[in-house]
Amino acid sequence: MPRELAELSYARFLEAFEGELEPDSDYESVHIDGGEFEDLDARGVRFTQSALTTVQITGGTFRYGRFDDVWLRAVRWIGANLGQSGWLNSEFVECALSGVEAVGVGLRRIRFEGCKFDSVNLRNASVQDVTFSDCVLRDTDFGEATLRRVSFPGTRLDGITLHGASLHDVDLRGATTLDLTAGIDSLRGAMVSTPQLLDLAPAFARAAGIIVRDN
């Protein structure tokens, strides 16, 4: 179950944040609650033990930012750039990411709970010890990414690209749908259920150049 704000070990230290985020700045024990940020230049920001709730971020950049032990709830990211940012020990609850550029992002010990991804670019990402629980990932690109110890319980995977990805101990058995548009040959290192394997059989046949005819 996702944690609530009051359950965070640092909740009592949080202070309300008002104002503008500045590039290459440090933010520790802050709580950004509500509001909209458009075309924000927050590259290189560093958040530690902080929380963001009911915030909408449209456009702008957080490239090279660092987020350590950050809790986000109902945060909407629309067309923002998170490229080469690093996330550690953080939790996303009921967040939405649409048209987000996250090339080369680092995700380690992250939990996504009830989140929606739409056209998110995670190419060359490093995704380690990450759980996508009851999420929807639509048209999400993991091309050339490295996924290690990643699971998808209760999650829909629709139009996923894995071309050139490297998978290690990736558990797909809990995914409610598994629709790959590219990179079927990159599933080496993943665990799937028997029904999922049967659903993927036509894609495996196409990748191997096998023609299946019943007449």
N, C-alpha and C. Protein backbone atom coordinates (compact mmCIF):
# COMPACT_ATOMS: atom_id res chain seq x y z
N MET A 1 0.83 -1.20 0.00
CA MET A 1 0.00 0.00 0.00
C MET A 1 0.87 1.24 0.00
N PRO A 2 0.47 2.29 -0.76
CA PRO A 2 1.25 3.52 -0.75
C PRO A 2 1.19 4.21 0.60
N ARG A 3 2.26 4.86 0.95
CA ARG A 3 2.29 5.59 2.20
C ARG A 3 1.50 6.89 2.08
N GLU A 4 1.04 7.39 3.22
CA GLU A 4 0.43 8.70 3.27
C GLU A 4 1.49 9.71 3.69
N LEU A 5 1.21 10.98 3.47
CA LEU A 5 2.18 12.02 3.79
C LEU A 5 2.60 11.97 5.24
N ALA A 6 1.63 11.76 6.14
CA ALA A 6 1.94 11.77 7.57
C ALA A 6 2.81 10.60 7.99
N GLU A 7 2.88 9.56 7.14
CA GLU A 7 3.66 8.38 7.48
C GLU A 7 5.14 8.51 7.11
N LEU A 8 5.50 9.56 6.42
CA LEU A 8 6.89 9.75 6.04
C LEU A 8 7.73 10.03 7.27
N SER A 9 8.90 9.46 7.32
CA SER A 9 9.76 9.62 8.50
C SER A 9 10.16 11.08 8.72
N TYR A 10 10.12 11.85 7.66
CA TYR A 10 10.53 13.25 7.75
C TYR A 10 9.34 14.22 7.70
N ALA A 11 8.12 13.70 7.81
CA ALA A 11 6.93 14.54 7.65
C ALA A 11 6.92 15.73 8.60
N ARG A 12 7.34 15.53 9.84
CA ARG A 12 7.27 16.61 10.83
C ARG A 12 8.27 17.73 10.54
N PHE A 13 9.22 17.47 9.67
CA PHE A 13 10.23 18.48 9.36
C PHE A 13 9.88 19.29 8.10
N LEU A 14 8.82 18.87 7.39
CA LEU A 14 8.49 19.54 6.13
C LEU A 14 8.01 20.97 6.37
N GLU A 15 8.45 21.85 5.50
CA GLU A 15 8.02 23.25 5.55
C GLU A 15 7.42 23.63 4.20
N ALA A 16 6.32 24.37 4.25
CA ALA A 16 5.65 24.79 3.02
C ALA A 16 6.59 25.63 2.17
N PHE A 17 6.60 25.34 0.88
CA PHE A 17 7.46 26.08 -0.05
C PHE A 17 6.60 26.97 -0.92
N GLU A 18 6.96 28.23 -1.01
CA GLU A 18 6.30 29.18 -1.89
C GLU A 18 7.36 29.95 -2.65
N GLY A 19 7.09 30.20 -3.89
CA GLY A 19 8.08 30.92 -4.69
C GLY A 19 8.43 30.13 -5.94
N GLU A 20 9.55 30.45 -6.53
CA GLU A 20 9.98 29.81 -7.76
C GLU A 20 11.19 28.92 -7.50
N LEU A 21 11.23 27.81 -8.22
CA LEU A 21 12.39 26.94 -8.15
C LEU A 21 13.50 27.51 -9.02
N GLU A 22 14.71 27.45 -8.53
CA GLU A 22 15.86 27.99 -9.23
C GLU A 22 16.78 26.85 -9.68
N PRO A 23 17.40 27.00 -10.83
CA PRO A 23 18.33 25.95 -11.29
C PRO A 23 19.52 25.81 -10.35
N ASP A 24 20.03 24.57 -10.28
CA ASP A 24 21.23 24.27 -9.49
C ASP A 24 21.09 24.67 -8.03
N SER A 25 19.89 24.49 -7.48
CA SER A 25 19.63 24.86 -6.09
C SER A 25 19.26 23.62 -5.27
N ASP A 26 19.48 23.71 -3.96
CA ASP A 26 19.18 22.61 -3.04
C ASP A 26 17.89 22.90 -2.30
N TYR A 27 17.02 21.87 -2.22
CA TYR A 27 15.77 21.98 -1.49
C TYR A 27 15.65 20.77 -0.58
N GLU A 28 15.65 21.00 0.72
CA GLU A 28 15.58 19.92 1.69
C GLU A 28 14.40 20.15 2.62
N SER A 29 13.63 19.10 2.86
CA SER A 29 12.48 19.13 3.77
C SER A 29 11.48 20.21 3.37
N VAL A 30 11.17 20.29 2.07
CA VAL A 30 10.16 21.24 1.62
C VAL A 30 8.92 20.48 1.14
N HIS A 31 7.77 21.14 1.24
CA HIS A 31 6.50 20.58 0.77
C HIS A 31 5.89 21.57 -0.21
N ILE A 32 5.85 21.17 -1.48
CA ILE A 32 5.20 21.98 -2.51
C ILE A 32 3.81 21.42 -2.71
N ASP A 33 2.80 22.18 -2.31
CA ASP A 33 1.42 21.70 -2.34
C ASP A 33 0.58 22.60 -3.24
N GLY A 34 0.09 22.03 -4.34
CA GLY A 34 -0.76 22.79 -5.26
C GLY A 34 0.04 23.72 -6.15
N GLY A 35 -0.66 24.30 -7.09
CA GLY A 35 -0.03 25.26 -7.99
C GLY A 35 0.38 24.66 -9.31
N GLU A 36 0.69 25.54 -10.26
CA GLU A 36 1.12 25.14 -11.58
C GLU A 36 2.44 25.81 -11.92
N PHE A 37 3.31 25.03 -12.55
CA PHE A 37 4.61 25.55 -13.00
C PHE A 37 4.69 25.35 -14.51
N GLU A 38 4.95 26.42 -15.26
CA GLU A 38 5.04 26.33 -16.71
C GLU A 38 6.42 26.77 -17.19
N ASP A 39 6.97 25.99 -18.09
CA ASP A 39 8.26 26.32 -18.72
C ASP A 39 9.32 26.68 -17.69
N LEU A 40 9.38 25.89 -16.64
CA LEU A 40 10.29 26.16 -15.53
C LEU A 40 11.70 25.68 -15.86
N ASP A 41 12.67 26.50 -15.57
CA ASP A 41 14.07 26.09 -15.72
C ASP A 41 14.56 25.67 -14.34
N ALA A 42 14.52 24.34 -14.09
CA ALA A 42 14.95 23.80 -12.81
C ALA A 42 16.04 22.76 -13.01
N ARG A 43 16.85 22.96 -14.02
CA ARG A 43 17.91 21.99 -14.30
C ARG A 43 18.91 21.98 -13.13
N GLY A 44 19.34 20.78 -12.78
CA GLY A 44 20.34 20.64 -11.73
C GLY A 44 19.82 20.83 -10.32
N VAL A 45 18.49 20.90 -10.12
CA VAL A 45 17.96 21.07 -8.76
C VAL A 45 18.20 19.78 -7.97
N ARG A 46 18.25 19.92 -6.66
CA ARG A 46 18.47 18.77 -5.78
C ARG A 46 17.43 18.81 -4.66
N PHE A 47 16.55 17.81 -4.66
CA PHE A 47 15.52 17.67 -3.63
C PHE A 47 15.90 16.52 -2.70
N THR A 48 15.80 16.75 -1.40
CA THR A 48 16.07 15.71 -0.41
C THR A 48 14.96 15.70 0.62
N GLN A 49 14.41 14.52 0.91
CA GLN A 49 13.35 14.35 1.91
C GLN A 49 12.30 15.45 1.79
N SER A 50 11.66 15.46 0.63
CA SER A 50 10.67 16.49 0.33
C SER A 50 9.42 15.86 -0.25
N ALA A 51 8.35 16.65 -0.38
CA ALA A 51 7.08 16.15 -0.89
C ALA A 51 6.48 17.14 -1.88
N LEU A 52 5.86 16.59 -2.93
CA LEU A 52 5.12 17.40 -3.89
C LEU A 52 3.72 16.80 -4.00
N THR A 53 2.69 17.63 -3.85
CA THR A 53 1.32 17.14 -3.91
C THR A 53 0.46 18.07 -4.75
N THR A 54 -0.42 17.46 -5.57
CA THR A 54 -1.38 18.16 -6.43
C THR A 54 -0.73 19.32 -7.18
N VAL A 55 0.40 19.05 -7.79
CA VAL A 55 1.13 20.05 -8.57
C VAL A 55 1.04 19.68 -10.04
N GLN A 56 0.93 20.68 -10.90
CA GLN A 56 1.00 20.45 -12.34
C GLN A 56 2.23 21.14 -12.90
N ILE A 57 3.05 20.37 -13.62
CA ILE A 57 4.29 20.89 -14.21
C ILE A 57 4.18 20.72 -15.72
N THR A 58 4.12 21.84 -16.43
CA THR A 58 3.95 21.82 -17.87
C THR A 58 5.20 22.39 -18.54
N GLY A 59 5.80 21.58 -19.41
CA GLY A 59 7.01 22.02 -20.09
C GLY A 59 8.15 22.20 -19.11
N GLY A 60 9.15 22.94 -19.52
CA GLY A 60 10.28 23.20 -18.65
C GLY A 60 11.24 22.03 -18.56
N THR A 61 12.29 22.21 -17.77
CA THR A 61 13.32 21.19 -17.67
C THR A 61 13.79 20.98 -16.24
N PHE A 62 14.00 19.71 -15.92
CA PHE A 62 14.62 19.29 -14.66
C PHE A 62 15.86 18.44 -14.96
N ARG A 63 16.44 18.66 -16.12
CA ARG A 63 17.60 17.86 -16.53
C ARG A 63 18.69 17.91 -15.47
N TYR A 64 19.31 16.77 -15.25
CA TYR A 64 20.43 16.61 -14.31
C TYR A 64 20.01 16.85 -12.85
N GLY A 65 18.73 16.94 -12.58
CA GLY A 65 18.28 17.10 -11.20
C GLY A 65 18.50 15.83 -10.39
N ARG A 66 18.51 15.96 -9.06
CA ARG A 66 18.67 14.82 -8.17
C ARG A 66 17.55 14.84 -7.14
N PHE A 67 16.86 13.70 -7.00
CA PHE A 67 15.71 13.59 -6.12
C PHE A 67 15.93 12.38 -5.20
N ASP A 68 16.17 12.64 -3.93
CA ASP A 68 16.49 11.58 -2.97
C ASP A 68 15.43 11.58 -1.86
N ASP A 69 14.70 10.46 -1.75
CA ASP A 69 13.66 10.31 -0.74
C ASP A 69 12.60 11.40 -0.91
N VAL A 70 12.00 11.42 -2.10
CA VAL A 70 10.96 12.40 -2.43
C VAL A 70 9.64 11.66 -2.61
N TRP A 71 8.57 12.23 -2.06
CA TRP A 71 7.23 11.63 -2.12
C TRP A 71 6.33 12.54 -2.95
N LEU A 72 5.73 11.95 -4.01
CA LEU A 72 4.88 12.74 -4.90
C LEU A 72 3.49 12.12 -4.97
N ARG A 73 2.47 12.96 -4.84
CA ARG A 73 1.09 12.47 -4.96
C ARG A 73 0.29 13.42 -5.85
N ALA A 74 -0.40 12.83 -6.82
CA ALA A 74 -1.26 13.59 -7.74
C ALA A 74 -0.48 14.71 -8.42
N VAL A 75 0.74 14.41 -8.84
CA VAL A 75 1.55 15.37 -9.58
C VAL A 75 1.43 15.05 -11.07
N ARG A 76 1.14 16.07 -11.86
CA ARG A 76 1.01 15.90 -13.31
C ARG A 76 2.22 16.52 -14.01
N TRP A 77 2.91 15.70 -14.80
CA TRP A 77 4.05 16.17 -15.60
C TRP A 77 3.61 16.14 -17.06
N ILE A 78 3.59 17.29 -17.72
CA ILE A 78 3.14 17.36 -19.10
C ILE A 78 4.25 17.99 -19.95
N GLY A 79 4.82 17.20 -20.82
CA GLY A 79 5.83 17.71 -21.74
C GLY A 79 7.09 18.22 -21.08
N ALA A 80 7.36 17.80 -19.86
CA ALA A 80 8.57 18.25 -19.16
C ALA A 80 9.77 17.40 -19.57
N ASN A 81 10.96 17.93 -19.30
CA ASN A 81 12.19 17.22 -19.63
C ASN A 81 12.88 16.81 -18.33
N LEU A 82 12.96 15.50 -18.09
CA LEU A 82 13.62 14.94 -16.91
C LEU A 82 14.91 14.20 -17.30
N GLY A 83 15.43 14.50 -18.46
CA GLY A 83 16.59 13.78 -18.96
C GLY A 83 17.78 13.84 -18.02
N GLN A 84 18.43 12.68 -17.86
CA GLN A 84 19.63 12.53 -17.03
C GLN A 84 19.41 12.90 -15.56
N SER A 85 18.16 13.00 -15.14
CA SER A 85 17.92 13.22 -13.71
C SER A 85 18.05 11.90 -12.96
N GLY A 86 18.27 11.99 -11.66
CA GLY A 86 18.44 10.80 -10.85
C GLY A 86 17.44 10.77 -9.71
N TRP A 87 16.78 9.63 -9.55
CA TRP A 87 15.75 9.46 -8.52
C TRP A 87 16.11 8.27 -7.65
N LEU A 88 16.07 8.46 -6.32
CA LEU A 88 16.47 7.41 -5.38
C LEU A 88 15.49 7.37 -4.21
N ASN A 89 15.05 6.16 -3.85
CA ASN A 89 14.20 5.98 -2.66
C ASN A 89 12.98 6.89 -2.68
N SER A 90 12.31 6.96 -3.81
CA SER A 90 11.19 7.88 -3.95
C SER A 90 9.91 7.13 -4.31
N GLU A 91 8.77 7.82 -4.14
CA GLU A 91 7.47 7.18 -4.36
C GLU A 91 6.55 8.13 -5.11
N PHE A 92 5.94 7.61 -6.19
CA PHE A 92 4.96 8.35 -6.97
C PHE A 92 3.59 7.71 -6.74
N VAL A 93 2.63 8.48 -6.28
CA VAL A 93 1.30 7.96 -6.00
C VAL A 93 0.28 8.73 -6.85
N GLU A 94 -0.44 8.01 -7.70
CA GLU A 94 -1.50 8.60 -8.53
C GLU A 94 -0.99 9.81 -9.32
N CYS A 95 0.20 9.68 -9.86
CA CYS A 95 0.79 10.73 -10.69
C CYS A 95 0.55 10.42 -12.16
N ALA A 96 0.67 11.44 -13.01
CA ALA A 96 0.50 11.26 -14.45
C ALA A 96 1.64 11.93 -15.19
N LEU A 97 2.21 11.19 -16.15
CA LEU A 97 3.29 11.72 -16.98
C LEU A 97 2.88 11.58 -18.43
N SER A 98 2.83 12.71 -19.15
CA SER A 98 2.41 12.70 -20.54
C SER A 98 3.40 13.48 -21.39
N GLY A 99 3.90 12.81 -22.43
CA GLY A 99 4.85 13.46 -23.32
C GLY A 99 6.13 13.88 -22.63
N VAL A 100 6.53 13.15 -21.61
CA VAL A 100 7.72 13.50 -20.83
C VAL A 100 8.97 12.91 -21.47
N GLU A 101 10.01 13.72 -21.57
CA GLU A 101 11.31 13.27 -22.05
C GLU A 101 12.17 12.91 -20.84
N ALA A 102 12.49 11.63 -20.70
CA ALA A 102 13.28 11.17 -19.56
C ALA A 102 14.45 10.31 -20.04
N VAL A 103 15.08 10.75 -21.13
CA VAL A 103 16.20 10.01 -21.70
C VAL A 103 17.35 9.97 -20.70
N GLY A 104 17.87 8.78 -20.44
CA GLY A 104 19.01 8.63 -19.55
C GLY A 104 18.69 8.84 -18.08
N VAL A 105 17.43 8.85 -17.72
CA VAL A 105 17.06 9.03 -16.31
C VAL A 105 17.52 7.82 -15.49
N GLY A 106 17.85 8.05 -14.22
CA GLY A 106 18.21 6.96 -13.32
C GLY A 106 17.14 6.79 -12.26
N LEU A 107 16.54 5.61 -12.21
CA LEU A 107 15.51 5.30 -11.22
C LEU A 107 15.99 4.13 -10.37
N ARG A 108 16.16 4.35 -9.09
CA ARG A 108 16.63 3.29 -8.21
C ARG A 108 15.81 3.28 -6.92
N ARG A 109 15.28 2.13 -6.60
CA ARG A 109 14.43 1.94 -5.43
C ARG A 109 13.26 2.94 -5.48
N ILE A 110 12.47 2.82 -6.54
CA ILE A 110 11.34 3.71 -6.78
C ILE A 110 10.06 2.87 -6.84
N ARG A 111 8.97 3.43 -6.32
CA ARG A 111 7.67 2.78 -6.43
C ARG A 111 6.68 3.73 -7.10
N PHE A 112 6.04 3.25 -8.16
CA PHE A 112 4.97 3.96 -8.84
C PHE A 112 3.67 3.25 -8.48
N GLU A 113 2.75 3.97 -7.90
CA GLU A 113 1.48 3.39 -7.45
C GLU A 113 0.32 4.13 -8.10
N GLY A 114 -0.46 3.40 -8.94
CA GLY A 114 -1.63 4.00 -9.57
C GLY A 114 -1.29 5.15 -10.50
N CYS A 115 -0.14 5.09 -11.18
CA CYS A 115 0.30 6.17 -12.05
C CYS A 115 -0.04 5.87 -13.51
N LYS A 116 -0.08 6.92 -14.32
CA LYS A 116 -0.34 6.78 -15.75
C LYS A 116 0.80 7.41 -16.55
N PHE A 117 1.36 6.60 -17.47
CA PHE A 117 2.40 7.07 -18.37
C PHE A 117 1.81 7.09 -19.78
N ASP A 118 1.96 8.19 -20.47
CA ASP A 118 1.48 8.29 -21.85
C ASP A 118 2.56 8.95 -22.69
N SER A 119 3.11 8.18 -23.63
CA SER A 119 4.17 8.69 -24.53
C SER A 119 5.35 9.24 -23.74
N VAL A 120 5.87 8.44 -22.82
CA VAL A 120 7.03 8.81 -22.02
C VAL A 120 8.28 8.16 -22.63
N ASN A 121 9.31 8.96 -22.81
CA ASN A 121 10.56 8.50 -23.44
C ASN A 121 11.57 8.17 -22.36
N LEU A 122 11.79 6.88 -22.13
CA LEU A 122 12.75 6.39 -21.14
C LEU A 122 13.95 5.72 -21.80
N ARG A 123 14.28 6.14 -22.98
CA ARG A 123 15.41 5.53 -23.68
C ARG A 123 16.71 5.74 -22.89
N ASN A 124 17.53 4.70 -22.88
CA ASN A 124 18.83 4.74 -22.19
C ASN A 124 18.70 4.94 -20.69
N ALA A 125 17.53 4.70 -20.15
CA ALA A 125 17.33 4.86 -18.71
C ALA A 125 17.95 3.69 -17.95
N SER A 126 18.28 3.93 -16.69
CA SER A 126 18.72 2.88 -15.77
C SER A 126 17.61 2.71 -14.73
N VAL A 127 16.95 1.57 -14.77
CA VAL A 127 15.78 1.33 -13.92
C VAL A 127 16.09 0.13 -13.03
N GLN A 128 16.30 0.36 -11.74
CA GLN A 128 16.75 -0.70 -10.85
C GLN A 128 15.92 -0.71 -9.57
N ASP A 129 15.44 -1.91 -9.20
CA ASP A 129 14.63 -2.08 -7.98
C ASP A 129 13.44 -1.14 -8.01
N VAL A 130 12.66 -1.24 -9.09
CA VAL A 130 11.51 -0.36 -9.31
C VAL A 130 10.25 -1.21 -9.43
N THR A 131 9.16 -0.74 -8.83
CA THR A 131 7.87 -1.41 -8.92
C THR A 131 6.85 -0.46 -9.54
N PHE A 132 6.16 -0.95 -10.58
CA PHE A 132 5.02 -0.24 -11.16
C PHE A 132 3.78 -1.01 -10.72
N SER A 133 3.05 -0.49 -9.76
CA SER A 133 1.90 -1.19 -9.19
C SER A 133 0.60 -0.51 -9.62
N ASP A 134 -0.28 -1.31 -10.25
CA ASP A 134 -1.60 -0.80 -10.69
C ASP A 134 -1.47 0.46 -11.52
N CYS A 135 -0.52 0.45 -12.44
CA CYS A 135 -0.26 1.61 -13.30
C CYS A 135 -0.75 1.32 -14.73
N VAL A 136 -0.72 2.34 -15.55
CA VAL A 136 -0.96 2.21 -16.99
C VAL A 136 0.22 2.83 -17.71
N LEU A 137 0.93 2.03 -18.50
CA LEU A 137 2.05 2.51 -19.31
C LEU A 137 1.65 2.38 -20.77
N ARG A 138 1.40 3.51 -21.41
CA ARG A 138 0.94 3.50 -22.80
C ARG A 138 1.97 4.20 -23.67
N ASP A 139 2.38 3.53 -24.75
CA ASP A 139 3.37 4.10 -25.68
C ASP A 139 4.61 4.59 -24.95
N THR A 140 5.12 3.74 -24.07
CA THR A 140 6.31 4.07 -23.29
C THR A 140 7.53 3.41 -23.93
N ASP A 141 8.59 4.18 -24.07
CA ASP A 141 9.78 3.72 -24.80
C ASP A 141 10.91 3.42 -23.82
N PHE A 142 11.24 2.12 -23.69
CA PHE A 142 12.38 1.68 -22.88
C PHE A 142 13.57 1.30 -23.78
N GLY A 143 13.62 1.81 -24.99
CA GLY A 143 14.69 1.45 -25.92
C GLY A 143 16.08 1.72 -25.34
N GLU A 144 16.97 0.72 -25.46
CA GLU A 144 18.35 0.82 -24.99
C GLU A 144 18.46 1.02 -23.48
N ALA A 145 17.36 0.87 -22.76
CA ALA A 145 17.39 1.03 -21.30
C ALA A 145 17.88 -0.25 -20.63
N THR A 146 18.31 -0.13 -19.37
CA THR A 146 18.67 -1.28 -18.55
C THR A 146 17.68 -1.39 -17.41
N LEU A 147 16.99 -2.53 -17.36
CA LEU A 147 16.01 -2.78 -16.31
C LEU A 147 16.50 -3.94 -15.45
N ARG A 148 16.58 -3.71 -14.15
CA ARG A 148 17.08 -4.74 -13.24
C ARG A 148 16.16 -4.80 -12.01
N ARG A 149 15.64 -5.99 -11.75
CA ARG A 149 14.73 -6.21 -10.63
C ARG A 149 13.56 -5.21 -10.68
N VAL A 150 12.80 -5.32 -11.77
CA VAL A 150 11.64 -4.46 -11.99
C VAL A 150 10.40 -5.34 -12.09
N SER A 151 9.30 -4.90 -11.48
CA SER A 151 8.05 -5.68 -11.53
C SER A 151 6.89 -4.77 -11.87
N PHE A 152 5.78 -5.40 -12.35
CA PHE A 152 4.64 -4.65 -12.85
C PHE A 152 3.31 -5.22 -12.34
N PRO A 153 3.12 -5.42 -11.05
CA PRO A 153 1.88 -6.03 -10.56
C PRO A 153 0.66 -5.15 -10.86
N GLY A 154 -0.34 -5.77 -11.51
CA GLY A 154 -1.59 -5.07 -11.79
C GLY A 154 -1.48 -3.96 -12.81
N THR A 155 -0.42 -3.95 -13.60
CA THR A 155 -0.15 -2.83 -14.51
C THR A 155 -0.44 -3.22 -15.96
N ARG A 156 -1.03 -2.26 -16.70
CA ARG A 156 -1.24 -2.43 -18.13
C ARG A 156 -0.03 -1.92 -18.89
N LEU A 157 0.50 -2.74 -19.76
CA LEU A 157 1.62 -2.36 -20.62
C LEU A 157 1.12 -2.37 -22.06
N ASP A 158 0.84 -1.20 -22.60
CA ASP A 158 0.23 -1.07 -23.92
C ASP A 158 1.15 -0.27 -24.84
N GLY A 159 1.61 -0.90 -25.90
CA GLY A 159 2.46 -0.21 -26.86
C GLY A 159 3.84 0.09 -26.31
N ILE A 160 4.47 -0.92 -25.70
CA ILE A 160 5.77 -0.74 -25.07
C ILE A 160 6.89 -1.06 -26.06
N THR A 161 7.92 -0.22 -26.06
CA THR A 161 9.10 -0.45 -26.90
C THR A 161 10.27 -0.88 -26.04
N LEU A 162 10.87 -2.02 -26.39
CA LEU A 162 12.03 -2.54 -25.66
C LEU A 162 13.24 -2.71 -26.58
N HIS A 163 13.22 -2.09 -27.73
CA HIS A 163 14.29 -2.32 -28.71
C HIS A 163 15.66 -2.00 -28.10
N GLY A 164 16.52 -3.01 -28.07
CA GLY A 164 17.88 -2.82 -27.56
C GLY A 164 17.98 -2.75 -26.06
N ALA A 165 16.89 -2.99 -25.36
CA ALA A 165 16.91 -2.92 -23.89
C ALA A 165 17.60 -4.15 -23.31
N SER A 166 18.11 -4.00 -22.09
CA SER A 166 18.77 -5.09 -21.37
C SER A 166 17.96 -5.36 -20.10
N LEU A 167 17.44 -6.59 -19.97
CA LEU A 167 16.57 -6.94 -18.85
C LEU A 167 17.25 -7.97 -17.96
N HIS A 168 17.17 -7.74 -16.64
CA HIS A 168 17.74 -8.66 -15.66
C HIS A 168 16.73 -8.81 -14.51
N ASP A 169 16.23 -10.02 -14.30
CA ASP A 169 15.28 -10.28 -13.22
C ASP A 169 14.08 -9.34 -13.31
N VAL A 170 13.54 -9.18 -14.50
CA VAL A 170 12.35 -8.37 -14.71
C VAL A 170 11.13 -9.28 -14.67
N ASP A 171 10.19 -9.00 -13.78
CA ASP A 171 9.02 -9.85 -13.57
C ASP A 171 7.81 -9.21 -14.22
N LEU A 172 7.38 -9.80 -15.34
CA LEU A 172 6.22 -9.29 -16.07
C LEU A 172 4.95 -10.08 -15.77
N ARG A 173 5.06 -11.07 -14.90
CA ARG A 173 3.93 -11.99 -14.68
C ARG A 173 2.70 -11.30 -14.13
N GLY A 174 2.87 -10.22 -13.37
CA GLY A 174 1.73 -9.55 -12.77
C GLY A 174 1.05 -8.54 -13.67
N ALA A 175 1.64 -8.27 -14.84
CA ALA A 175 1.05 -7.29 -15.75
C ALA A 175 -0.29 -7.79 -16.28
N THR A 176 -1.28 -6.93 -16.31
CA THR A 176 -2.61 -7.34 -16.78
C THR A 176 -2.69 -7.39 -18.29
N THR A 177 -1.90 -6.56 -18.98
CA THR A 177 -1.74 -6.66 -20.43
C THR A 177 -0.27 -6.49 -20.75
N LEU A 178 0.15 -7.13 -21.84
CA LEU A 178 1.56 -7.07 -22.25
C LEU A 178 1.60 -6.94 -23.76
N ASP A 179 1.62 -5.70 -24.22
CA ASP A 179 1.60 -5.41 -25.65
C ASP A 179 2.90 -4.72 -26.02
N LEU A 180 3.76 -5.42 -26.75
CA LEU A 180 5.04 -4.88 -27.18
C LEU A 180 4.96 -4.50 -28.65
N THR A 181 5.37 -3.26 -28.97
CA THR A 181 5.37 -2.83 -30.36
C THR A 181 6.74 -3.02 -31.01
N ALA A 182 7.78 -3.15 -30.19
CA ALA A 182 9.13 -3.37 -30.72
C ALA A 182 10.01 -3.93 -29.61
N GLY A 183 10.97 -4.77 -30.01
CA GLY A 183 11.93 -5.28 -29.05
C GLY A 183 11.55 -6.59 -28.40
N ILE A 184 10.76 -7.41 -29.11
CA ILE A 184 10.38 -8.71 -28.55
C ILE A 184 11.62 -9.55 -28.25
N ASP A 185 12.69 -9.34 -29.02
CA ASP A 185 13.92 -10.12 -28.81
C ASP A 185 14.68 -9.65 -27.57
N SER A 186 14.25 -8.55 -26.96
CA SER A 186 14.92 -8.04 -25.76
C SER A 186 14.32 -8.59 -24.48
N LEU A 187 13.39 -9.52 -24.59
CA LEU A 187 12.75 -10.08 -23.39
C LEU A 187 13.64 -11.08 -22.66
N ARG A 188 14.80 -11.38 -23.19
CA ARG A 188 15.73 -12.25 -22.48
C ARG A 188 16.00 -11.65 -21.09
N GLY A 189 15.85 -12.47 -20.05
CA GLY A 189 16.05 -11.98 -18.70
C GLY A 189 14.76 -11.58 -18.01
N ALA A 190 13.61 -11.76 -18.71
CA ALA A 190 12.31 -11.42 -18.13
C ALA A 190 11.55 -12.70 -17.79
N MET A 191 10.67 -12.60 -16.80
CA MET A 191 9.80 -13.71 -16.42
C MET A 191 8.38 -13.38 -16.88
N VAL A 192 7.76 -14.31 -17.60
CA VAL A 192 6.38 -14.14 -18.04
C VAL A 192 5.59 -15.39 -17.64
N SER A 193 4.28 -15.25 -17.60
CA SER A 193 3.42 -16.38 -17.28
C SER A 193 3.13 -17.17 -18.56
N THR A 194 2.60 -18.38 -18.41
CA THR A 194 2.27 -19.19 -19.58
C THR A 194 1.24 -18.50 -20.47
N PRO A 195 0.15 -17.95 -19.93
CA PRO A 195 -0.79 -17.23 -20.80
C PRO A 195 -0.13 -16.07 -21.53
N GLN A 196 0.74 -15.34 -20.87
CA GLN A 196 1.44 -14.24 -21.53
C GLN A 196 2.32 -14.77 -22.66
N LEU A 197 2.99 -15.88 -22.42
CA LEU A 197 3.85 -16.46 -23.45
C LEU A 197 3.04 -16.83 -24.68
N LEU A 198 1.85 -17.40 -24.47
CA LEU A 198 0.99 -17.75 -25.59
C LEU A 198 0.54 -16.50 -26.35
N ASP A 199 0.24 -15.43 -25.61
CA ASP A 199 -0.15 -14.18 -26.26
C ASP A 199 0.99 -13.59 -27.08
N LEU A 200 2.22 -13.81 -26.62
CA LEU A 200 3.39 -13.25 -27.30
C LEU A 200 3.88 -14.13 -28.45
N ALA A 201 3.34 -15.33 -28.54
CA ALA A 201 3.82 -16.27 -29.55
C ALA A 201 3.83 -15.69 -30.97
N PRO A 202 2.76 -15.01 -31.43
CA PRO A 202 2.82 -14.46 -32.79
C PRO A 202 3.96 -13.47 -32.99
N ALA A 203 4.21 -12.65 -31.97
CA ALA A 203 5.32 -11.69 -32.08
C ALA A 203 6.66 -12.40 -32.13
N PHE A 204 6.82 -13.45 -31.31
CA PHE A 204 8.06 -14.23 -31.36
C PHE A 204 8.24 -14.86 -32.75
N ALA A 205 7.14 -15.36 -33.32
CA ALA A 205 7.22 -15.99 -34.64
C ALA A 205 7.65 -14.98 -35.70
N ARG A 206 7.08 -13.78 -35.65
CA ARG A 206 7.45 -12.75 -36.62
C ARG A 206 8.92 -12.37 -36.47
N ALA A 207 9.37 -12.23 -35.22
CA ALA A 207 10.77 -11.85 -34.98
C ALA A 207 11.73 -12.91 -35.50
N ALA A 208 11.30 -14.19 -35.45
CA ALA A 208 12.16 -15.29 -35.91
C ALA A 208 11.98 -15.58 -37.40
N GLY A 209 11.10 -14.84 -38.06
CA GLY A 209 10.88 -15.05 -39.48
C GLY A 209 10.08 -16.30 -39.79
N ILE A 210 9.28 -16.75 -38.82
CA ILE A 210 8.47 -17.96 -38.99
C ILE A 210 7.10 -17.58 -39.56
N ILE A 211 6.70 -18.25 -40.60
CA ILE A 211 5.37 -18.05 -41.18
C ILE A 211 4.44 -19.12 -40.66
N VAL A 212 3.38 -18.70 -40.01
CA VAL A 212 2.40 -19.63 -39.43
C VAL A 212 1.16 -19.65 -40.30
N ARG A 213 0.84 -20.82 -40.85
CA ARG A 213 -0.36 -20.99 -41.66
C ARG A 213 -1.08 -22.24 -41.24
N ASP A 214 -2.41 -22.16 -41.21
CA ASP A 214 -3.19 -23.32 -40.80
C ASP A 214 -3.98 -23.93 -41.95
N ASN A 215 -3.68 -23.48 -43.18
CA ASN A 215 -4.39 -24.08 -44.32
C ASN A 215 -3.41 -24.39 -45.45
